[in-house]
N, C-alpha and C. Protein backbone atom coordinates (compact mmCIF):
# COMPACT_ATOMS: atom_id res chain seq x y z
N MET A 1 -17.77 5.15 -3.79
CA MET A 1 -16.52 4.47 -4.04
C MET A 1 -16.78 2.97 -3.93
N THR A 2 -16.23 2.21 -4.86
CA THR A 2 -16.44 0.76 -4.85
C THR A 2 -15.38 0.05 -4.01
N VAL A 3 -15.65 -1.20 -3.71
CA VAL A 3 -14.68 -2.02 -2.99
C VAL A 3 -13.39 -2.11 -3.80
N GLN A 4 -13.52 -2.29 -5.12
CA GLN A 4 -12.34 -2.39 -5.99
C GLN A 4 -11.50 -1.12 -5.91
N GLU A 5 -12.14 0.04 -5.94
CA GLU A 5 -11.41 1.31 -5.88
C GLU A 5 -10.67 1.44 -4.55
N ILE A 6 -11.29 1.01 -3.47
CA ILE A 6 -10.63 1.05 -2.16
C ILE A 6 -9.46 0.09 -2.12
N ALA A 7 -9.67 -1.13 -2.61
CA ALA A 7 -8.58 -2.12 -2.62
C ALA A 7 -7.39 -1.60 -3.42
N ASP A 8 -7.66 -1.01 -4.57
CA ASP A 8 -6.58 -0.47 -5.41
C ASP A 8 -5.86 0.67 -4.70
N ALA A 9 -6.62 1.59 -4.12
CA ALA A 9 -6.03 2.77 -3.47
C ALA A 9 -5.17 2.39 -2.27
N LEU A 10 -5.56 1.34 -1.55
CA LEU A 10 -4.86 0.98 -0.32
C LEU A 10 -3.97 -0.25 -0.49
N GLY A 11 -3.86 -0.77 -1.69
CA GLY A 11 -2.99 -1.92 -1.95
C GLY A 11 -3.41 -3.19 -1.23
N MET A 12 -4.73 -3.40 -1.16
CA MET A 12 -5.25 -4.60 -0.50
C MET A 12 -5.50 -5.68 -1.53
N ALA A 13 -5.34 -6.93 -1.10
CA ALA A 13 -5.61 -8.07 -1.96
C ALA A 13 -6.99 -8.64 -1.65
N CYS A 14 -7.72 -9.00 -2.68
CA CYS A 14 -8.99 -9.70 -2.49
C CYS A 14 -8.67 -11.18 -2.36
N VAL A 15 -8.96 -11.77 -1.20
CA VAL A 15 -8.64 -13.18 -0.96
C VAL A 15 -9.85 -14.09 -1.11
N ALA A 16 -11.02 -13.51 -1.27
CA ALA A 16 -12.25 -14.29 -1.50
C ALA A 16 -13.37 -13.33 -1.91
N GLY A 17 -14.37 -13.87 -2.57
CA GLY A 17 -15.55 -13.07 -2.92
C GLY A 17 -15.32 -12.02 -3.98
N SER A 18 -14.41 -12.28 -4.90
CA SER A 18 -14.05 -11.26 -5.89
C SER A 18 -15.21 -10.84 -6.80
N SER A 19 -16.24 -11.64 -6.90
CA SER A 19 -17.37 -11.27 -7.76
C SER A 19 -18.15 -10.07 -7.22
N GLY A 20 -17.90 -9.69 -5.96
CA GLY A 20 -18.60 -8.55 -5.37
C GLY A 20 -17.77 -7.28 -5.29
N MET A 21 -16.67 -7.23 -6.00
CA MET A 21 -15.77 -6.08 -5.89
C MET A 21 -16.36 -4.78 -6.44
N ASP A 22 -17.47 -4.86 -7.15
CA ASP A 22 -18.09 -3.66 -7.68
C ASP A 22 -19.11 -3.05 -6.71
N ARG A 23 -19.25 -3.61 -5.53
CA ARG A 23 -20.19 -3.07 -4.53
C ARG A 23 -19.77 -1.67 -4.10
N GLU A 24 -20.77 -0.83 -3.84
CA GLU A 24 -20.52 0.52 -3.34
C GLU A 24 -20.32 0.50 -1.83
N VAL A 25 -19.34 1.23 -1.36
CA VAL A 25 -19.07 1.37 0.07
C VAL A 25 -19.72 2.67 0.53
N THR A 26 -20.62 2.56 1.51
CA THR A 26 -21.35 3.74 1.98
C THR A 26 -20.85 4.26 3.32
N SER A 27 -20.12 3.42 4.06
CA SER A 27 -19.59 3.82 5.37
C SER A 27 -18.56 2.78 5.80
N GLY A 28 -18.02 2.97 6.99
CA GLY A 28 -17.05 2.02 7.52
C GLY A 28 -17.34 1.68 8.97
N TYR A 29 -16.85 0.52 9.39
CA TYR A 29 -16.98 0.10 10.78
C TYR A 29 -15.78 -0.76 11.13
N ALA A 30 -15.28 -0.62 12.35
CA ALA A 30 -14.14 -1.41 12.81
C ALA A 30 -14.44 -2.00 14.17
N SER A 31 -14.37 -3.32 14.26
CA SER A 31 -14.60 -4.02 15.52
C SER A 31 -14.26 -5.49 15.34
N ASP A 32 -13.85 -6.14 16.42
CA ASP A 32 -13.63 -7.58 16.41
C ASP A 32 -14.73 -8.32 17.15
N LEU A 33 -15.66 -7.61 17.73
CA LEU A 33 -16.74 -8.22 18.49
C LEU A 33 -17.96 -8.34 17.56
N LEU A 34 -18.32 -9.57 17.21
CA LEU A 34 -19.38 -9.80 16.24
C LEU A 34 -20.71 -9.17 16.67
N SER A 35 -21.05 -9.27 17.95
CA SER A 35 -22.31 -8.68 18.42
C SER A 35 -22.30 -7.16 18.29
N ASP A 36 -21.15 -6.55 18.46
CA ASP A 36 -21.03 -5.10 18.28
C ASP A 36 -21.27 -4.73 16.82
N VAL A 37 -20.68 -5.47 15.91
CA VAL A 37 -20.87 -5.22 14.49
C VAL A 37 -22.34 -5.41 14.12
N MET A 38 -22.95 -6.48 14.62
CA MET A 38 -24.35 -6.76 14.32
C MET A 38 -25.27 -5.64 14.81
N GLY A 39 -24.91 -5.02 15.91
CA GLY A 39 -25.74 -3.96 16.47
C GLY A 39 -25.49 -2.58 15.91
N HIS A 40 -24.35 -2.38 15.23
CA HIS A 40 -24.01 -1.02 14.84
C HIS A 40 -23.60 -0.80 13.39
N ALA A 41 -23.06 -1.80 12.73
CA ALA A 41 -22.64 -1.61 11.33
C ALA A 41 -23.88 -1.47 10.45
N ARG A 42 -23.77 -0.68 9.42
CA ARG A 42 -24.90 -0.38 8.54
C ARG A 42 -24.73 -1.04 7.17
N ASP A 43 -25.84 -1.24 6.54
CA ASP A 43 -25.90 -1.75 5.17
C ASP A 43 -24.90 -0.98 4.30
N GLY A 44 -24.07 -1.68 3.56
CA GLY A 44 -23.11 -1.04 2.66
C GLY A 44 -21.78 -0.67 3.28
N ALA A 45 -21.60 -0.95 4.57
CA ALA A 45 -20.34 -0.60 5.24
C ALA A 45 -19.22 -1.55 4.85
N ILE A 46 -18.00 -1.05 4.94
CA ILE A 46 -16.81 -1.89 4.85
C ILE A 46 -16.35 -2.11 6.29
N TRP A 47 -16.13 -3.36 6.66
CA TRP A 47 -15.85 -3.74 8.05
C TRP A 47 -14.38 -4.12 8.19
N VAL A 48 -13.70 -3.49 9.12
CA VAL A 48 -12.30 -3.79 9.41
C VAL A 48 -12.23 -4.64 10.67
N THR A 49 -11.56 -5.80 10.57
CA THR A 49 -11.48 -6.74 11.69
C THR A 49 -10.19 -7.56 11.61
N SER A 50 -9.90 -8.28 12.68
CA SER A 50 -8.81 -9.25 12.66
C SER A 50 -9.36 -10.67 12.83
N GLN A 51 -10.68 -10.80 12.77
CA GLN A 51 -11.31 -12.12 12.83
C GLN A 51 -11.21 -12.78 11.46
N VAL A 52 -11.01 -14.10 11.45
CA VAL A 52 -10.77 -14.79 10.17
C VAL A 52 -11.66 -16.02 9.95
N HIS A 53 -12.65 -16.23 10.80
CA HIS A 53 -13.47 -17.44 10.72
C HIS A 53 -14.75 -17.17 9.93
N GLN A 54 -15.50 -18.24 9.65
CA GLN A 54 -16.67 -18.11 8.78
C GLN A 54 -17.81 -17.30 9.38
N ASN A 55 -17.84 -17.11 10.70
CA ASN A 55 -18.88 -16.27 11.29
C ASN A 55 -18.76 -14.82 10.84
N VAL A 56 -17.55 -14.40 10.49
CA VAL A 56 -17.35 -13.04 9.96
C VAL A 56 -18.10 -12.90 8.63
N VAL A 57 -18.00 -13.90 7.81
CA VAL A 57 -18.70 -13.88 6.52
C VAL A 57 -20.21 -13.89 6.76
N ALA A 58 -20.66 -14.71 7.70
CA ALA A 58 -22.10 -14.79 8.01
C ALA A 58 -22.65 -13.44 8.45
N VAL A 59 -21.93 -12.75 9.33
CA VAL A 59 -22.38 -11.44 9.80
C VAL A 59 -22.37 -10.43 8.65
N ALA A 60 -21.34 -10.45 7.84
CA ALA A 60 -21.26 -9.52 6.70
C ALA A 60 -22.42 -9.74 5.75
N LEU A 61 -22.77 -10.99 5.50
CA LEU A 61 -23.91 -11.29 4.62
C LEU A 61 -25.23 -10.88 5.25
N LEU A 62 -25.39 -11.18 6.53
CA LEU A 62 -26.62 -10.84 7.25
C LEU A 62 -26.90 -9.35 7.20
N LEU A 63 -25.85 -8.54 7.35
CA LEU A 63 -25.99 -7.09 7.39
C LEU A 63 -25.88 -6.42 6.02
N ASN A 64 -25.64 -7.22 4.98
CA ASN A 64 -25.45 -6.70 3.63
C ASN A 64 -24.32 -5.67 3.58
N LEU A 65 -23.20 -6.02 4.19
CA LEU A 65 -22.03 -5.15 4.15
C LEU A 65 -21.42 -5.20 2.76
N SER A 66 -20.62 -4.21 2.44
CA SER A 66 -20.00 -4.16 1.11
C SER A 66 -18.76 -5.04 1.04
N ALA A 67 -18.01 -5.15 2.14
CA ALA A 67 -16.78 -5.94 2.16
C ALA A 67 -16.27 -6.05 3.59
N VAL A 68 -15.32 -6.97 3.76
CA VAL A 68 -14.63 -7.14 5.03
C VAL A 68 -13.14 -6.99 4.76
N VAL A 69 -12.45 -6.24 5.62
CA VAL A 69 -11.00 -6.10 5.54
C VAL A 69 -10.41 -6.88 6.71
N ILE A 70 -9.58 -7.87 6.40
CA ILE A 70 -8.86 -8.64 7.41
C ILE A 70 -7.51 -7.94 7.60
N ALA A 71 -7.35 -7.31 8.74
CA ALA A 71 -6.15 -6.51 9.01
C ALA A 71 -5.05 -7.34 9.68
N GLY A 72 -3.86 -6.80 9.69
CA GLY A 72 -2.75 -7.38 10.43
C GLY A 72 -2.08 -8.57 9.77
N GLY A 73 -2.33 -8.78 8.48
CA GLY A 73 -1.67 -9.87 7.77
C GLY A 73 -2.19 -11.25 8.13
N LEU A 74 -3.34 -11.32 8.78
CA LEU A 74 -3.90 -12.61 9.15
C LEU A 74 -4.51 -13.28 7.93
N GLN A 75 -4.56 -14.61 7.96
CA GLN A 75 -5.05 -15.37 6.82
C GLN A 75 -6.47 -15.88 7.07
N LEU A 76 -7.35 -15.61 6.15
CA LEU A 76 -8.73 -16.06 6.22
C LEU A 76 -8.78 -17.58 6.21
N MET A 77 -9.59 -18.17 7.08
CA MET A 77 -9.73 -19.62 7.13
C MET A 77 -10.37 -20.13 5.84
N GLU A 78 -10.01 -21.35 5.45
CA GLU A 78 -10.48 -21.90 4.18
C GLU A 78 -12.00 -21.98 4.09
N ASP A 79 -12.68 -22.40 5.17
CA ASP A 79 -14.14 -22.51 5.13
C ASP A 79 -14.78 -21.12 4.97
N ALA A 80 -14.16 -20.12 5.57
CA ALA A 80 -14.67 -18.75 5.43
C ALA A 80 -14.48 -18.26 4.00
N ALA A 81 -13.33 -18.55 3.43
CA ALA A 81 -13.07 -18.14 2.04
C ALA A 81 -14.05 -18.81 1.08
N ALA A 82 -14.34 -20.08 1.31
CA ALA A 82 -15.28 -20.80 0.45
C ALA A 82 -16.67 -20.19 0.54
N ARG A 83 -17.09 -19.84 1.75
CA ARG A 83 -18.41 -19.23 1.93
C ARG A 83 -18.47 -17.85 1.28
N ALA A 84 -17.42 -17.06 1.44
CA ALA A 84 -17.37 -15.72 0.83
C ALA A 84 -17.39 -15.82 -0.69
N ASP A 85 -16.64 -16.78 -1.24
CA ASP A 85 -16.64 -16.97 -2.70
C ASP A 85 -18.02 -17.37 -3.20
N ALA A 86 -18.68 -18.27 -2.48
CA ALA A 86 -20.00 -18.75 -2.90
C ALA A 86 -21.05 -17.65 -2.89
N ARG A 87 -20.89 -16.68 -2.01
CA ARG A 87 -21.90 -15.61 -1.87
C ARG A 87 -21.43 -14.27 -2.40
N GLY A 88 -20.23 -14.19 -2.94
CA GLY A 88 -19.74 -12.94 -3.51
C GLY A 88 -19.48 -11.85 -2.49
N MET A 89 -19.04 -12.23 -1.28
CA MET A 89 -18.71 -11.25 -0.24
C MET A 89 -17.21 -10.97 -0.30
N PRO A 90 -16.81 -9.78 -0.77
CA PRO A 90 -15.39 -9.48 -0.87
C PRO A 90 -14.69 -9.49 0.49
N MET A 91 -13.63 -10.25 0.54
CA MET A 91 -12.79 -10.34 1.74
C MET A 91 -11.41 -9.81 1.32
N LEU A 92 -11.04 -8.67 1.86
CA LEU A 92 -9.77 -8.04 1.52
C LEU A 92 -8.76 -8.33 2.60
N SER A 93 -7.50 -8.39 2.22
CA SER A 93 -6.43 -8.67 3.17
C SER A 93 -5.37 -7.58 3.08
N THR A 94 -4.83 -7.23 4.24
CA THR A 94 -3.76 -6.25 4.31
C THR A 94 -2.83 -6.56 5.47
N GLU A 95 -1.58 -6.20 5.32
CA GLU A 95 -0.60 -6.34 6.40
C GLU A 95 -0.76 -5.23 7.44
N LEU A 96 -1.44 -4.17 7.06
CA LEU A 96 -1.59 -3.03 7.97
C LEU A 96 -2.40 -3.40 9.20
N PRO A 97 -2.08 -2.81 10.36
CA PRO A 97 -2.93 -3.01 11.54
C PRO A 97 -4.27 -2.31 11.36
N ALA A 98 -5.28 -2.77 12.08
CA ALA A 98 -6.64 -2.24 11.95
C ALA A 98 -6.70 -0.73 12.12
N PHE A 99 -5.95 -0.19 13.07
CA PHE A 99 -5.97 1.25 13.32
C PHE A 99 -5.51 2.02 12.09
N GLU A 100 -4.47 1.53 11.45
CA GLU A 100 -3.94 2.18 10.25
C GLU A 100 -4.94 2.07 9.09
N VAL A 101 -5.57 0.91 8.95
CA VAL A 101 -6.57 0.73 7.90
C VAL A 101 -7.71 1.73 8.07
N ALA A 102 -8.21 1.86 9.30
CA ALA A 102 -9.30 2.79 9.57
C ALA A 102 -8.90 4.22 9.20
N GLY A 103 -7.70 4.61 9.54
CA GLY A 103 -7.22 5.95 9.21
C GLY A 103 -7.12 6.17 7.71
N ARG A 104 -6.63 5.18 7.00
CA ARG A 104 -6.51 5.32 5.54
C ARG A 104 -7.87 5.34 4.86
N LEU A 105 -8.81 4.55 5.37
CA LEU A 105 -10.17 4.59 4.83
C LEU A 105 -10.78 5.98 5.06
N TYR A 106 -10.55 6.54 6.23
CA TYR A 106 -11.07 7.87 6.54
C TYR A 106 -10.50 8.90 5.57
N ARG A 107 -9.20 8.81 5.29
CA ARG A 107 -8.57 9.73 4.35
C ARG A 107 -9.15 9.62 2.94
N LEU A 108 -9.65 8.41 2.60
CA LEU A 108 -10.29 8.22 1.30
C LEU A 108 -11.71 8.76 1.26
N GLY A 109 -12.22 9.16 2.44
CA GLY A 109 -13.57 9.70 2.49
C GLY A 109 -14.61 8.76 3.06
N VAL A 110 -14.19 7.57 3.52
CA VAL A 110 -15.11 6.63 4.13
C VAL A 110 -15.31 7.05 5.58
N ARG A 111 -16.56 7.25 5.96
CA ARG A 111 -16.88 7.69 7.31
C ARG A 111 -17.74 6.66 8.02
N GLY A 112 -17.69 6.69 9.34
CA GLY A 112 -18.56 5.85 10.14
C GLY A 112 -19.94 6.48 10.22
N GLU A 113 -20.92 5.66 10.48
CA GLU A 113 -22.28 6.18 10.64
C GLU A 113 -22.51 6.50 12.10
N VAL A 114 -23.24 7.54 12.35
CA VAL A 114 -23.55 7.92 13.73
C VAL A 114 -25.00 7.66 14.04
């Protein structure tokens, strides 16, 4: 399933990095602790968080994640959006809380890696 297919299915808006919307999503991860994500998220994962700063983009790029979902209606910071656009890292936005996003991703067939 691609990032675009997930965004369409869950009514999420791409707020930056739209050139990467064709990336394949292989798993999911949810955390707001960057070190936790760095230690556990896998290549190709879609990451659900409420963090909105440019370090989120840096971690997503470092780990080769497929996309980042900013939950809870929070707005991505301008410097983060610019970095995501420059590198093609899809940043999705939703009003849904992180817990609800994770559940809906699971229903779509996105699973966490063990």
